[in-house]
Amino acid sequence: MRLMRLLRAVSLTEGVSFLVLLLVAMPLKYVWGWPLAVKYVGWAHGVLFIALGGLVLLAMLRAALPITTAIMVGVASLVPAGPFFMDRRLRRHERGLAGKPEGLQSAGECGSLSP
C-alpha cells in the first residue's frame, strides 16, 4: 500500500533528521558557534515531524493502522533512533495489507466507532 510505504519513508527520514539535529547541528551550534545549522536542520526536522503526525492519522483512517501502533510511532519519534525500531512493525502492517484495495477497508478494519 502506497500510504504505508510513504509513512515508513517519512518515519525513517524523520529519524535521520533527528539524529542529524542532535549529533551534527547541536555541536555545530554550541561547540563551534554556528547557530544556522540548528535553524535549518531543526526546521526540516519540524516539517518532517508534523508530516509524520499527519500520515499516522491518515494511516489510522485509511490503512487500518491500530491505535496502539500509532501511539508507538508517536512515542518512537520522540526518542533518538526510535523510528528505526518501529519500522519493523510498520513493515509488518504494510505486508498485512497487501492485496487489499487502498482506502477500501471495512469500518471494523478502520477502527471506526460506528457499529
PDB file of N, CA and C in Angstrom:
ATOM      1  N   MET A   1       0.845  -1.176   0.000  1.00  0.00           N
ATOM      2  CA  MET A   1       0.000   0.000   0.000  1.00  0.00           C
ATOM      3  C   MET A   1       0.892   1.242   0.000  1.00  0.00           C
ATOM      4  N   ARG A   2       0.583   2.170  -0.869  1.00  0.00           N
ATOM      5  CA  ARG A   2       1.411   3.362  -1.022  1.00  0.00           C
ATOM      6  C   ARG A   2       1.433   4.221   0.226  1.00  0.00           C
ATOM      7  N   LEU A   3       0.314   4.331   0.931  1.00  0.00           N
ATOM      8  CA  LEU A   3       0.259   5.163   2.135  1.00  0.00           C
ATOM      9  C   LEU A   3       1.213   4.637   3.204  1.00  0.00           C
ATOM     10  N   MET A   4       1.228   3.334   3.415  1.00  0.00           N
ATOM     11  CA  MET A   4       2.116   2.763   4.425  1.00  0.00           C
ATOM     12  C   MET A   4       3.578   2.901   4.002  1.00  0.00           C
ATOM     13  N   ARG A   5       3.860   2.758   2.727  1.00  0.00           N
ATOM     14  CA  ARG A   5       5.226   2.942   2.234  1.00  0.00           C
ATOM     15  C   ARG A   5       5.673   4.383   2.469  1.00  0.00           C
ATOM     16  N   LEU A   6       4.774   5.336   2.217  1.00  0.00           N
ATOM     17  CA  LEU A   6       5.085   6.743   2.454  1.00  0.00           C
ATOM     18  C   LEU A   6       5.275   7.013   3.949  1.00  0.00           C
ATOM     19  N   LEU A   7       4.419   6.428   4.784  1.00  0.00           N
ATOM     20  CA  LEU A   7       4.549   6.588   6.225  1.00  0.00           C
ATOM     21  C   LEU A   7       5.893   6.061   6.704  1.00  0.00           C
ATOM     22  N   ARG A   8       6.292   4.895   6.227  1.00  0.00           N
ATOM     23  CA  ARG A   8       7.580   4.332   6.619  1.00  0.00           C
ATOM     24  C   ARG A   8       8.733   5.222   6.157  1.00  0.00           C
ATOM     25  N   ALA A   9       8.657   5.740   4.936  1.00  0.00           N
ATOM     26  CA  ALA A   9       9.725   6.591   4.407  1.00  0.00           C
ATOM     27  C   ALA A   9       9.844   7.879   5.212  1.00  0.00           C
ATOM     28  N   VAL A  10       8.714   8.505   5.525  1.00  0.00           N
ATOM     29  CA  VAL A  10       8.745   9.748   6.306  1.00  0.00           C
ATOM     30  C   VAL A  10       9.228   9.464   7.725  1.00  0.00           C
ATOM     31  N   SER A  11       8.812   8.344   8.291  1.00  0.00           N
ATOM     32  CA  SER A  11       9.253   7.981   9.636  1.00  0.00           C
ATOM     33  C   SER A  11      10.770   7.812   9.691  1.00  0.00           C
ATOM     34  N   LEU A  12      11.322   7.091   8.739  1.00  0.00           N
ATOM     35  CA  LEU A  12      12.770   6.888   8.722  1.00  0.00           C
ATOM     36  C   LEU A  12      13.525   8.187   8.445  1.00  0.00           C
ATOM     37  N   THR A  13      12.990   9.007   7.545  1.00  0.00           N
ATOM     38  CA  THR A  13      13.625  10.287   7.245  1.00  0.00           C
ATOM     39  C   THR A  13      13.581  11.204   8.462  1.00  0.00           C
ATOM     40  N   GLU A  14      12.464  11.197   9.185  1.00  0.00           N
ATOM     41  CA  GLU A  14      12.349  11.991  10.409  1.00  0.00           C
ATOM     42  C   GLU A  14      13.352  11.502  11.454  1.00  0.00           C
ATOM     43  N   GLY A  15      13.543  10.190  11.535  1.00  0.00           N
ATOM     44  CA  GLY A  15      14.527   9.638  12.464  1.00  0.00           C
ATOM     45  C   GLY A  15      15.940  10.078  12.121  1.00  0.00           C
ATOM     46  N   VAL A  16      16.269  10.066  10.838  1.00  0.00           N
ATOM     47  CA  VAL A  16      17.591  10.531  10.407  1.00  0.00           C
ATOM     48  C   VAL A  16      17.753  12.015  10.721  1.00  0.00           C
ATOM     49  N   SER A  17      16.719  12.811  10.449  1.00  0.00           N
ATOM     50  CA  SER A  17      16.821  14.251  10.701  1.00  0.00           C
ATOM     51  C   SER A  17      17.000  14.542  12.193  1.00  0.00           C
ATOM     52  N   PHE A  18      16.370  13.746  13.052  1.00  0.00           N
ATOM     53  CA  PHE A  18      16.523  13.917  14.498  1.00  0.00           C
ATOM     54  C   PHE A  18      17.963  13.621  14.919  1.00  0.00           C
ATOM     55  N   LEU A  19      18.529  12.540  14.378  1.00  0.00           N
ATOM     56  CA  LEU A  19      19.917  12.209  14.700  1.00  0.00           C
ATOM     57  C   LEU A  19      20.884  13.268  14.170  1.00  0.00           C
ATOM     58  N   VAL A  20      20.636  13.783  12.977  1.00  0.00           N
ATOM     59  CA  VAL A  20      21.482  14.843  12.421  1.00  0.00           C
ATOM     60  C   VAL A  20      21.373  16.090  13.287  1.00  0.00           C
ATOM     61  N   LEU A  21      20.167  16.403  13.735  1.00  0.00           N
ATOM     62  CA  LEU A  21      19.973  17.561  14.611  1.00  0.00           C
ATOM     63  C   LEU A  21      20.773  17.403  15.904  1.00  0.00           C
ATOM     64  N   LEU A  22      20.680  16.229  16.513  1.00  0.00           N
ATOM     65  CA  LEU A  22      21.355  16.013  17.794  1.00  0.00           C
ATOM     66  C   LEU A  22      22.864  15.841  17.664  1.00  0.00           C
ATOM     67  N   LEU A  23      23.303  15.104  16.654  1.00  0.00           N
ATOM     68  CA  LEU A  23      24.715  14.728  16.564  1.00  0.00           C
ATOM     69  C   LEU A  23      25.565  15.636  15.683  1.00  0.00           C
ATOM     70  N   VAL A  24      24.933  16.426  14.833  1.00  0.00           N
ATOM     71  CA  VAL A  24      25.695  17.311  13.948  1.00  0.00           C
ATOM     72  C   VAL A  24      25.371  18.772  14.220  1.00  0.00           C
ATOM     73  N   ALA A  25      24.097  19.138  14.117  1.00  0.00           N
ATOM     74  CA  ALA A  25      23.716  20.548  14.211  1.00  0.00           C
ATOM     75  C   ALA A  25      23.945  21.132  15.609  1.00  0.00           C
ATOM     76  N   MET A  26      23.584  20.379  16.650  1.00  0.00           N
ATOM     77  CA  MET A  26      23.766  20.904  18.011  1.00  0.00           C
ATOM     78  C   MET A  26      25.241  21.141  18.331  1.00  0.00           C
ATOM     79  N   PRO A  27      26.146  20.195  18.027  1.00  0.00           N
ATOM     80  CA  PRO A  27      27.566  20.501  18.260  1.00  0.00           C
ATOM     81  C   PRO A  27      28.057  21.689  17.422  1.00  0.00           C
ATOM     82  N   LEU A  28      27.570  21.802  16.180  1.00  0.00           N
ATOM     83  CA  LEU A  28      27.966  22.957  15.368  1.00  0.00           C
ATOM     84  C   LEU A  28      27.546  24.264  16.026  1.00  0.00           C
ATOM     85  N   LYS A  29      26.386  24.271  16.657  1.00  0.00           N
ATOM     86  CA  LYS A  29      25.913  25.488  17.310  1.00  0.00           C
ATOM     87  C   LYS A  29      26.665  25.768  18.610  1.00  0.00           C
ATOM     88  N   TYR A  30      26.752  24.775  19.480  1.00  0.00           N
ATOM     89  CA  TYR A  30      27.261  25.025  20.823  1.00  0.00           C
ATOM     90  C   TYR A  30      28.764  24.861  20.965  1.00  0.00           C
ATOM     91  N   VAL A  31      29.407  24.129  20.087  1.00  0.00           N
ATOM     92  CA  VAL A  31      30.856  23.967  20.182  1.00  0.00           C
ATOM     93  C   VAL A  31      31.564  24.932  19.240  1.00  0.00           C
ATOM     94  N   TRP A  32      31.064  25.030  18.018  1.00  0.00           N
ATOM     95  CA  TRP A  32      31.739  25.853  17.030  1.00  0.00           C
ATOM     96  C   TRP A  32      31.023  27.172  16.726  1.00  0.00           C
ATOM     97  N   GLY A  33      29.970  27.465  17.447  1.00  0.00           N
ATOM     98  CA  GLY A  33      29.298  28.761  17.326  1.00  0.00           C
ATOM     99  C   GLY A  33      28.626  29.011  15.989  1.00  0.00           C
ATOM    100  N   TRP A  34      28.037  28.001  15.398  1.00  0.00           N
ATOM    101  CA  TRP A  34      27.359  28.147  14.118  1.00  0.00           C
ATOM    102  C   TRP A  34      25.880  27.828  14.288  1.00  0.00           C
ATOM    103  N   PRO A  35      25.067  28.816  14.733  1.00  0.00           N
ATOM    104  CA  PRO A  35      23.661  28.562  15.047  1.00  0.00           C
ATOM    105  C   PRO A  35      22.770  28.281  13.837  1.00  0.00           C
ATOM    106  N   LEU A  36      23.216  28.634  12.647  1.00  0.00           N
ATOM    107  CA  LEU A  36      22.381  28.385  11.466  1.00  0.00           C
ATOM    108  C   LEU A  36      22.149  26.897  11.224  1.00  0.00           C
ATOM    109  N   ALA A  37      23.061  26.052  11.669  1.00  0.00           N
ATOM    110  CA  ALA A  37      22.887  24.606  11.482  1.00  0.00           C
ATOM    111  C   ALA A  37      21.620  24.142  12.184  1.00  0.00           C
ATOM    112  N   VAL A  38      21.418  24.584  13.416  1.00  0.00           N
ATOM    113  CA  VAL A  38      20.224  24.185  14.164  1.00  0.00           C
ATOM    114  C   VAL A  38      18.981  24.805  13.547  1.00  0.00           C
ATOM    115  N   LYS A  39      19.101  26.024  13.065  1.00  0.00           N
ATOM    116  CA  LYS A  39      17.943  26.680  12.461  1.00  0.00           C
ATOM    117  C   LYS A  39      17.422  25.891  11.269  1.00  0.00           C
ATOM    118  N   TYR A  40      18.284  25.503  10.359  1.00  0.00           N
ATOM    119  CA  TYR A  40      17.835  24.845   9.141  1.00  0.00           C
ATOM    120  C   TYR A  40      17.526  23.358   9.352  1.00  0.00           C
ATOM    121  N   VAL A  41      18.380  22.672  10.070  1.00  0.00           N
ATOM    122  CA  VAL A  41      18.112  21.255  10.326  1.00  0.00           C
ATOM    123  C   VAL A  41      16.894  21.114  11.233  1.00  0.00           C
ATOM    124  N   GLY A  42      16.766  21.990  12.213  1.00  0.00           N
ATOM    125  CA  GLY A  42      15.606  21.965  13.100  1.00  0.00           C
ATOM    126  C   GLY A  42      14.313  22.243  12.347  1.00  0.00           C
ATOM    127  N   TRP A  43      14.368  23.173  11.413  1.00  0.00           N
ATOM    128  CA  TRP A  43      13.188  23.485  10.598  1.00  0.00           C
ATOM    129  C   TRP A  43      12.780  22.268   9.773  1.00  0.00           C
ATOM    130  N   ALA A  44      13.753  21.630   9.128  1.00  0.00           N
ATOM    131  CA  ALA A  44      13.458  20.440   8.309  1.00  0.00           C
ATOM    132  C   ALA A  44      12.914  19.314   9.185  1.00  0.00           C
ATOM    133  N   HIS A  45      13.509  19.135  10.352  1.00  0.00           N
ATOM    134  CA  HIS A  45      13.041  18.095  11.264  1.00  0.00           C
ATOM    135  C   HIS A  45      11.604  18.388  11.719  1.00  0.00           C
ATOM    136  N   GLY A  46      11.295  19.630  11.992  1.00  0.00           N
ATOM    137  CA  GLY A  46       9.941  20.005  12.406  1.00  0.00           C
ATOM    138  C   GLY A  46       8.906  19.717  11.330  1.00  0.00           C
ATOM    139  N   VAL A  47       9.238  20.019  10.093  1.00  0.00           N
ATOM    140  CA  VAL A  47       8.323  19.736   8.978  1.00  0.00           C
ATOM    141  C   VAL A  47       8.101  18.230   8.849  1.00  0.00           C
ATOM    142  N   LEU A  48       9.163  17.464   8.964  1.00  0.00           N
ATOM    143  CA  LEU A  48       9.035  16.005   8.879  1.00  0.00           C
ATOM    144  C   LEU A  48       8.236  15.441  10.050  1.00  0.00           C
ATOM    145  N   PHE A  49       8.414  16.009  11.237  1.00  0.00           N
ATOM    146  CA  PHE A  49       7.686  15.558  12.422  1.00  0.00           C
ATOM    147  C   PHE A  49       6.180  15.796  12.254  1.00  0.00           C
ATOM    148  N   ILE A  50       5.822  16.967  11.747  1.00  0.00           N
ATOM    149  CA  ILE A  50       4.409  17.283  11.524  1.00  0.00           C
ATOM    150  C   ILE A  50       3.833  16.398  10.413  1.00  0.00           C
ATOM    151  N   ALA A  51       4.620  16.184   9.353  1.00  0.00           N
ATOM    152  CA  ALA A  51       4.168  15.297   8.278  1.00  0.00           C
ATOM    153  C   ALA A  51       3.956  13.881   8.799  1.00  0.00           C
ATOM    154  N   LEU A  52       4.837  13.426   9.672  1.00  0.00           N
ATOM    155  CA  LEU A  52       4.691  12.092  10.256  1.00  0.00           C
ATOM    156  C   LEU A  52       3.395  11.997  11.054  1.00  0.00           C
ATOM    157  N   GLY A  53       3.107  13.008  11.850  1.00  0.00           N
ATOM    158  CA  GLY A  53       1.861  13.007  12.620  1.00  0.00           C
ATOM    159  C   GLY A  53       0.636  12.943  11.726  1.00  0.00           C
ATOM    160  N   GLY A  54       0.640  13.729  10.660  1.00  0.00           N
ATOM    161  CA  GLY A  54      -0.477  13.711   9.720  1.00  0.00           C
ATOM    162  C   GLY A  54      -0.624  12.375   9.015  1.00  0.00           C
ATOM    163  N   LEU A  55       0.488  11.788   8.628  1.00  0.00           N
ATOM    164  CA  LEU A  55       0.436  10.494   7.949  1.00  0.00           C
ATOM    165  C   LEU A  55      -0.013   9.379   8.890  1.00  0.00           C
ATOM    166  N   VAL A  56       0.358   9.464  10.166  1.00  0.00           N
ATOM    167  CA  VAL A  56      -0.108   8.461  11.131  1.00  0.00           C
ATOM    168  C   VAL A  56      -1.630   8.543  11.258  1.00  0.00           C
ATOM    169  N   LEU A  57      -2.160   9.757  11.356  1.00  0.00           N
ATOM    170  CA  LEU A  57      -3.619   9.916  11.432  1.00  0.00           C
ATOM    171  C   LEU A  57      -4.290   9.390  10.169  1.00  0.00           C
ATOM    172  N   LEU A  58      -3.734   9.708   9.030  1.00  0.00           N
ATOM    173  CA  LEU A  58      -4.292   9.236   7.766  1.00  0.00           C
ATOM    174  C   LEU A  58      -4.226   7.708   7.669  1.00  0.00           C
ATOM    175  N   ALA A  59      -3.124   7.125   8.129  1.00  0.00           N
ATOM    176  CA  ALA A  59      -2.994   5.665   8.100  1.00  0.00           C
ATOM    177  C   ALA A  59      -3.993   5.006   9.044  1.00  0.00           C
ATOM    178  N   MET A  60      -4.310   5.663  10.148  1.00  0.00           N
ATOM    179  CA  MET A  60      -5.327   5.117  11.049  1.00  0.00           C
ATOM    180  C   MET A  60      -6.684   5.087  10.346  1.00  0.00           C
ATOM    181  N   LEU A  61      -6.970   6.099   9.556  1.00  0.00           N
ATOM    182  CA  LEU A  61      -8.264   6.193   8.885  1.00  0.00           C
ATOM    183  C   LEU A  61      -8.348   5.330   7.627  1.00  0.00           C
ATOM    184  N   ARG A  62      -7.285   5.318   6.830  1.00  0.00           N
ATOM    185  CA  ARG A  62      -7.362   4.659   5.527  1.00  0.00           C
ATOM    186  C   ARG A  62      -6.681   3.309   5.448  1.00  0.00           C
ATOM    187  N   ALA A  63      -5.720   3.050   6.337  1.00  0.00           N
ATOM    188  CA  ALA A  63      -4.964   1.803   6.232  1.00  0.00           C
ATOM    189  C   ALA A  63      -5.129   0.933   7.477  1.00  0.00           C
ATOM    190  N   ALA A  64      -6.119   1.230   8.274  1.00  0.00           N
ATOM    191  CA  ALA A  64      -6.439   0.427   9.455  1.00  0.00           C
ATOM    192  C   ALA A  64      -5.259   0.267  10.399  1.00  0.00           C
ATOM    193  N   LEU A  65      -4.454   1.324  10.544  1.00  0.00           N
ATOM    194  CA  LEU A  65      -3.333   1.273  11.481  1.00  0.00           C
ATOM    195  C   LEU A  65      -3.896   1.245  12.901  1.00  0.00           C
ATOM    196  N   PRO A  66      -3.548   0.225  13.681  1.00  0.00           N
ATOM    197  CA  PRO A  66      -4.089   0.141  15.045  1.00  0.00           C
ATOM    198  C   PRO A  66      -3.647   1.327  15.908  1.00  0.00           C
ATOM    199  N   ILE A  67      -4.501   1.728  16.820  1.00  0.00           N
ATOM    200  CA  ILE A  67      -4.209   2.878  17.681  1.00  0.00           C
ATOM    201  C   ILE A  67      -2.944   2.640  18.495  1.00  0.00           C
ATOM    202  N   THR A  68      -2.717   1.404  18.926  1.00  0.00           N
ATOM    203  CA  THR A  68      -1.505   1.125  19.704  1.00  0.00           C
ATOM    204  C   THR A  68      -0.247   1.338  18.868  1.00  0.00           C
ATOM    205  N   THR A  69      -0.298   0.931  17.613  1.00  0.00           N
ATOM    206  CA  THR A  69       0.848   1.148  16.726  1.00  0.00           C
ATOM    207  C   THR A  69       1.034   2.637  16.460  1.00  0.00           C
ATOM    208  N   ALA A  70      -0.058   3.359  16.273  1.00  0.00           N
ATOM    209  CA  ALA A  70       0.023   4.799  16.042  1.00  0.00           C
ATOM    210  C   ALA A  70       0.665   5.503  17.233  1.00  0.00           C
ATOM    211  N   ILE A  71       0.267   5.121  18.440  1.00  0.00           N
ATOM    212  CA  ILE A  71       0.849   5.725  19.647  1.00  0.00           C
ATOM    213  C   ILE A  71       2.328   5.371  19.741  1.00  0.00           C
ATOM    214  N   MET A  72       2.659   4.125  19.425  1.00  0.00           N
ATOM    215  CA  MET A  72       4.059   3.714  19.485  1.00  0.00           C
ATOM    216  C   MET A  72       4.912   4.466  18.461  1.00  0.00           C
ATOM    217  N   VAL A  73       4.372   4.741  17.286  1.00  0.00           N
ATOM    218  CA  VAL A  73       5.095   5.527  16.283  1.00  0.00           C
ATOM    219  C   VAL A  73       5.329   6.937  16.825  1.00  0.00           C
ATOM    220  N   GLY A  74       4.305   7.515  17.459  1.00  0.00           N
ATOM    221  CA  GLY A  74       4.447   8.849  18.024  1.00  0.00           C
ATOM    222  C   GLY A  74       5.492   8.911  19.117  1.00  0.00           C
ATOM    223  N   VAL A  75       5.473   7.948  20.012  1.00  0.00           N
ATOM    224  CA  VAL A  75       6.462   7.921  21.092  1.00  0.00           C
ATOM    225  C   VAL A  75       7.858   7.653  20.532  1.00  0.00           C
ATOM    226  N   ALA A  76       7.952   6.745  19.569  1.00  0.00           N
ATOM    227  CA  ALA A  76       9.253   6.420  18.975  1.00  0.00           C
ATOM    228  C   ALA A  76       9.866   7.629  18.279  1.00  0.00           C
ATOM    229  N   SER A  77       9.022   8.506  17.737  1.00  0.00           N
ATOM    230  CA  SER A  77       9.563   9.687  17.050  1.00  0.00           C
ATOM    231  C   SER A  77      10.171  10.686  18.020  1.00  0.00           C
ATOM    232  N   LEU A  78       9.902  10.536  19.318  1.00  0.00           N
ATOM    233  CA  LEU A  78      10.477  11.416  20.335  1.00  0.00           C
ATOM    234  C   LEU A  78      11.800  10.897  20.882  1.00  0.00           C
ATOM    235  N   VAL A  79      12.144   9.663  20.513  1.00  0.00           N
ATOM    236  CA  VAL A  79      13.354   9.013  21.013  1.00  0.00           C
ATOM    237  C   VAL A  79      14.364   8.929  19.874  1.00  0.00           C
ATOM    238  N   PRO A  80      15.609   9.331  20.104  1.00  0.00           N
ATOM    239  CA  PRO A  80      16.605   9.175  19.035  1.00  0.00           C
ATOM    240  C   PRO A  80      16.695   7.713  18.590  1.00  0.00           C
ATOM    241  N   ALA A  81      16.642   7.494  17.318  1.00  0.00           N
ATOM    242  CA  ALA A  81      16.698   6.181  16.674  1.00  0.00           C
ATOM    243  C   ALA A  81      15.428   5.361  16.887  1.00  0.00           C
ATOM    244  N   GLY A  82      14.420   5.902  17.531  1.00  0.00           N
ATOM    245  CA  GLY A  82      13.165   5.190  17.746  1.00  0.00           C
ATOM    246  C   GLY A  82      12.452   4.788  16.463  1.00  0.00           C
ATOM    247  N   PRO A  83      12.394   5.655  15.452  1.00  0.00           N
ATOM    248  CA  PRO A  83      11.713   5.270  14.219  1.00  0.00           C
ATOM    249  C   PRO A  83      12.323   4.056  13.527  1.00  0.00           C
ATOM    250  N   PHE A  84      13.603   3.830  13.723  1.00  0.00           N
ATOM    251  CA  PHE A  84      14.247   2.681  13.084  1.00  0.00           C
ATOM    252  C   PHE A  84      13.749   1.376  13.700  1.00  0.00           C
ATOM    253  N   PHE A  85      13.445   1.399  14.984  1.00  0.00           N
ATOM    254  CA  PHE A  85      12.923   0.209  15.646  1.00  0.00           C
ATOM    255  C   PHE A  85      11.438  -0.008  15.308  1.00  0.00           C
ATOM    256  N   MET A  86      10.700   1.072  15.100  1.00  0.00           N
ATOM    257  CA  MET A  86       9.276   0.964  14.758  1.00  0.00           C
ATOM    258  C   MET A  86       9.052   0.549  13.307  1.00  0.00           C
ATOM    259  N   ASP A  87      10.061   0.703  12.475  1.00  0.00           N
ATOM    260  CA  ASP A  87       9.886   0.377  11.057  1.00  0.00           C
ATOM    261  C   ASP A  87       9.503  -1.082  10.857  1.00  0.00           C
ATOM    262  N   ARG A  88       9.994  -1.955  11.688  1.00  0.00           N
ATOM    263  CA  ARG A  88       9.660  -3.375  11.561  1.00  0.00           C
ATOM    264  C   ARG A  88       8.161  -3.600  11.746  1.00  0.00           C
ATOM    265  N   ARG A  89       7.582  -2.957  12.745  1.00  0.00           N
ATOM    266  CA  ARG A  89       6.137  -3.104  12.991  1.00  0.00           C
ATOM    267  C   ARG A  89       5.335  -2.494  11.836  1.00  0.00           C
ATOM    268  N   LEU A  90       5.771  -1.338  11.331  1.00  0.00           N
ATOM    269  CA  LEU A  90       5.071  -0.712  10.207  1.00  0.00           C
ATOM    270  C   LEU A  90       5.174  -1.587   8.958  1.00  0.00           C
ATOM    271  N   ARG A  91       6.336  -2.186   8.737  1.00  0.00           N
ATOM    272  CA  ARG A  91       6.510  -3.068   7.584  1.00  0.00           C
ATOM    273  C   ARG A  91       5.592  -4.277   7.701  1.00  0.00           C
ATOM    274  N   ARG A  92       5.465  -4.826   8.897  1.00  0.00           N
ATOM    275  CA  ARG A  92       4.581  -5.975   9.121  1.00  0.00           C
ATOM    276  C   ARG A  92       3.126  -5.591   8.814  1.00  0.00           C
ATOM    277  N   HIS A  93       2.717  -4.393   9.247  1.00  0.00           N
ATOM    278  CA  HIS A  93       1.347  -3.932   8.965  1.00  0.00           C
ATOM    279  C   HIS A  93       1.162  -3.737   7.462  1.00  0.00           C
ATOM    280  N   GLU A  94       2.173  -3.189   6.807  1.00  0.00           N
ATOM    281  CA  GLU A  94       2.093  -2.978   5.358  1.00  0.00           C
ATOM    282  C   GLU A  94       1.940  -4.316   4.627  1.00  0.00           C
ATOM    283  N   ARG A  95       2.677  -5.311   5.047  1.00  0.00           N
ATOM    284  CA  ARG A  95       2.562  -6.634   4.423  1.00  0.00           C
ATOM    285  C   ARG A  95       1.187  -7.247   4.657  1.00  0.00           C
ATOM    286  N   GLY A  96       0.610  -6.981   5.819  1.00  0.00           N
ATOM    287  CA  GLY A  96      -0.722  -7.491   6.116  1.00  0.00           C
ATOM    288  C   GLY A  96      -1.795  -6.873   5.241  1.00  0.00           C
ATOM    289  N   LEU A  97      -1.525  -5.682   4.717  1.00  0.00           N
ATOM    290  CA  LEU A  97      -2.485  -5.014   3.839  1.00  0.00           C
ATOM    291  C   LEU A  97      -2.310  -5.389   2.378  1.00  0.00           C
ATOM    292  N   ALA A  98      -1.281  -6.134   2.065  1.00  0.00           N
ATOM    293  CA  ALA A  98      -1.004  -6.487   0.668  1.00  0.00           C
ATOM    294  C   ALA A  98      -2.218  -7.178   0.059  1.00  0.00           C
ATOM    295  N   GLY A  99      -2.601  -6.725  -1.101  1.00  0.00           N
ATOM    296  CA  GLY A  99      -3.729  -7.321  -1.807  1.00  0.00           C
ATOM    297  C   GLY A  99      -5.053  -6.639  -1.532  1.00  0.00           C
ATOM    298  N   LYS A 100      -5.127  -5.793  -0.501  1.00  0.00           N
ATOM    299  CA  LYS A 100      -6.371  -5.077  -0.230  1.00  0.00           C
ATOM    300  C   LYS A 100      -6.347  -3.757  -0.999  1.00  0.00           C
ATOM    301  N   PRO A 101      -7.463  -3.366  -1.594  1.00  0.00           N
ATOM    302  CA  PRO A 101      -7.507  -2.090  -2.296  1.00  0.00           C
ATOM    303  C   PRO A 101      -7.297  -0.936  -1.313  1.00  0.00           C
ATOM    304  N   GLU A 102      -6.551   0.058  -1.745  1.00  0.00           N
ATOM    305  CA  GLU A 102      -6.251   1.191  -0.878  1.00  0.00           C
ATOM    306  C   GLU A 102      -7.517   1.977  -0.544  1.00  0.00           C
ATOM    307  N   GLY A 103      -7.730   2.232   0.740  1.00  0.00           N
ATOM    308  CA  GLY A 103      -8.845   3.044   1.192  1.00  0.00           C
ATOM    309  C   GLY A 103     -10.182   2.334   1.216  1.00  0.00           C
ATOM    310  N   LEU A 104     -10.204   1.012   0.990  1.00  0.00           N
ATOM    311  CA  LEU A 104     -11.471   0.299   0.938  1.00  0.00           C
ATOM    312  C   LEU A 104     -11.619  -0.721   2.055  1.00  0.00           C
ATOM    313  N   GLN A 105     -10.985  -0.496   3.200  1.00  0.00           N
ATOM    314  CA  GLN A 105     -11.157  -1.393   4.320  1.00  0.00           C
ATOM    315  C   GLN A 105     -12.551  -1.186   4.913  1.00  0.00           C
ATOM    316  N   SER A 106     -13.070  -2.238   5.550  1.00  0.00           N
ATOM    317  CA  SER A 106     -14.381  -2.110   6.170  1.00  0.00           C
ATOM    318  C   SER A 106     -14.295  -1.229   7.410  1.00  0.00           C
ATOM    319  N   ALA A 107     -15.428  -0.784   7.902  1.00  0.00           N
ATOM    320  CA  ALA A 107     -15.460   0.097   9.073  1.00  0.00           C
ATOM    321  C   ALA A 107     -14.782  -0.574  10.267  1.00  0.00           C
ATOM    322  N   GLY A 108     -14.957  -1.857  10.436  1.00  0.00           N
ATOM    323  CA  GLY A 108     -14.323  -2.568  11.545  1.00  0.00           C
ATOM    324  C   GLY A 108     -12.818  -2.582  11.430  1.00  0.00           C
ATOM    325  N   GLU A 109     -12.307  -2.653  10.201  1.00  0.00           N
ATOM    326  CA  GLU A 109     -10.866  -2.648   9.991  1.00  0.00           C
ATOM    327  C   GLU A 109     -10.275  -1.270  10.189  1.00  0.00           C
ATOM    328  N   CYS A 110     -11.054  -0.224   9.970  1.00  0.00           N
ATOM    329  CA  CYS A 110     -10.546   1.131  10.086  1.00  0.00           C
ATOM    330  C   CYS A 110     -10.574   1.649  11.506  1.00  0.00           C
ATOM    331  N   GLY A 111     -11.109   0.901  12.433  1.00  0.00           N
ATOM    332  CA  GLY A 111     -11.149   1.359  13.812  1.00  0.00           C
ATOM    333  C   GLY A 111     -12.260   2.364  14.053  1.00  0.00           C
ATOM    334  N   SER A 112     -13.282   2.339  13.203  1.00  0.00           N
ATOM    335  CA  SER A 112     -14.387   3.267  13.348  1.00  0.00           C
ATOM    336  C   SER A 112     -15.201   2.931  14.607  1.00  0.00           C
ATOM    337  N   LEU A 113     -15.771   3.939  15.199  1.00  0.00           N
ATOM    338  CA  LEU A 113     -16.584   3.736  16.396  1.00  0.00           C
ATOM    339  C   LEU A 113     -18.023   3.370  16.069  1.00  0.00           C
ATOM    340  N   SER A 114     -18.394   3.453  14.790  1.00  0.00           N
ATOM    341  CA  SER A 114     -19.765   3.128  14.415  1.00  0.00           C
ATOM    342  C   SER A 114     -19.968   1.616  14.405  1.00  0.00           C
ATOM    343  N   PRO A 115     -21.202   1.145  14.666  1.00  0.00           N
ATOM    344  CA  PRO A 115     -21.460  -0.302  14.716  1.00  0.00           C
ATOM    345  C   PRO A 115     -21.367  -0.970  13.373  1.00  0.00           C
TER     346      PRO A 115
END
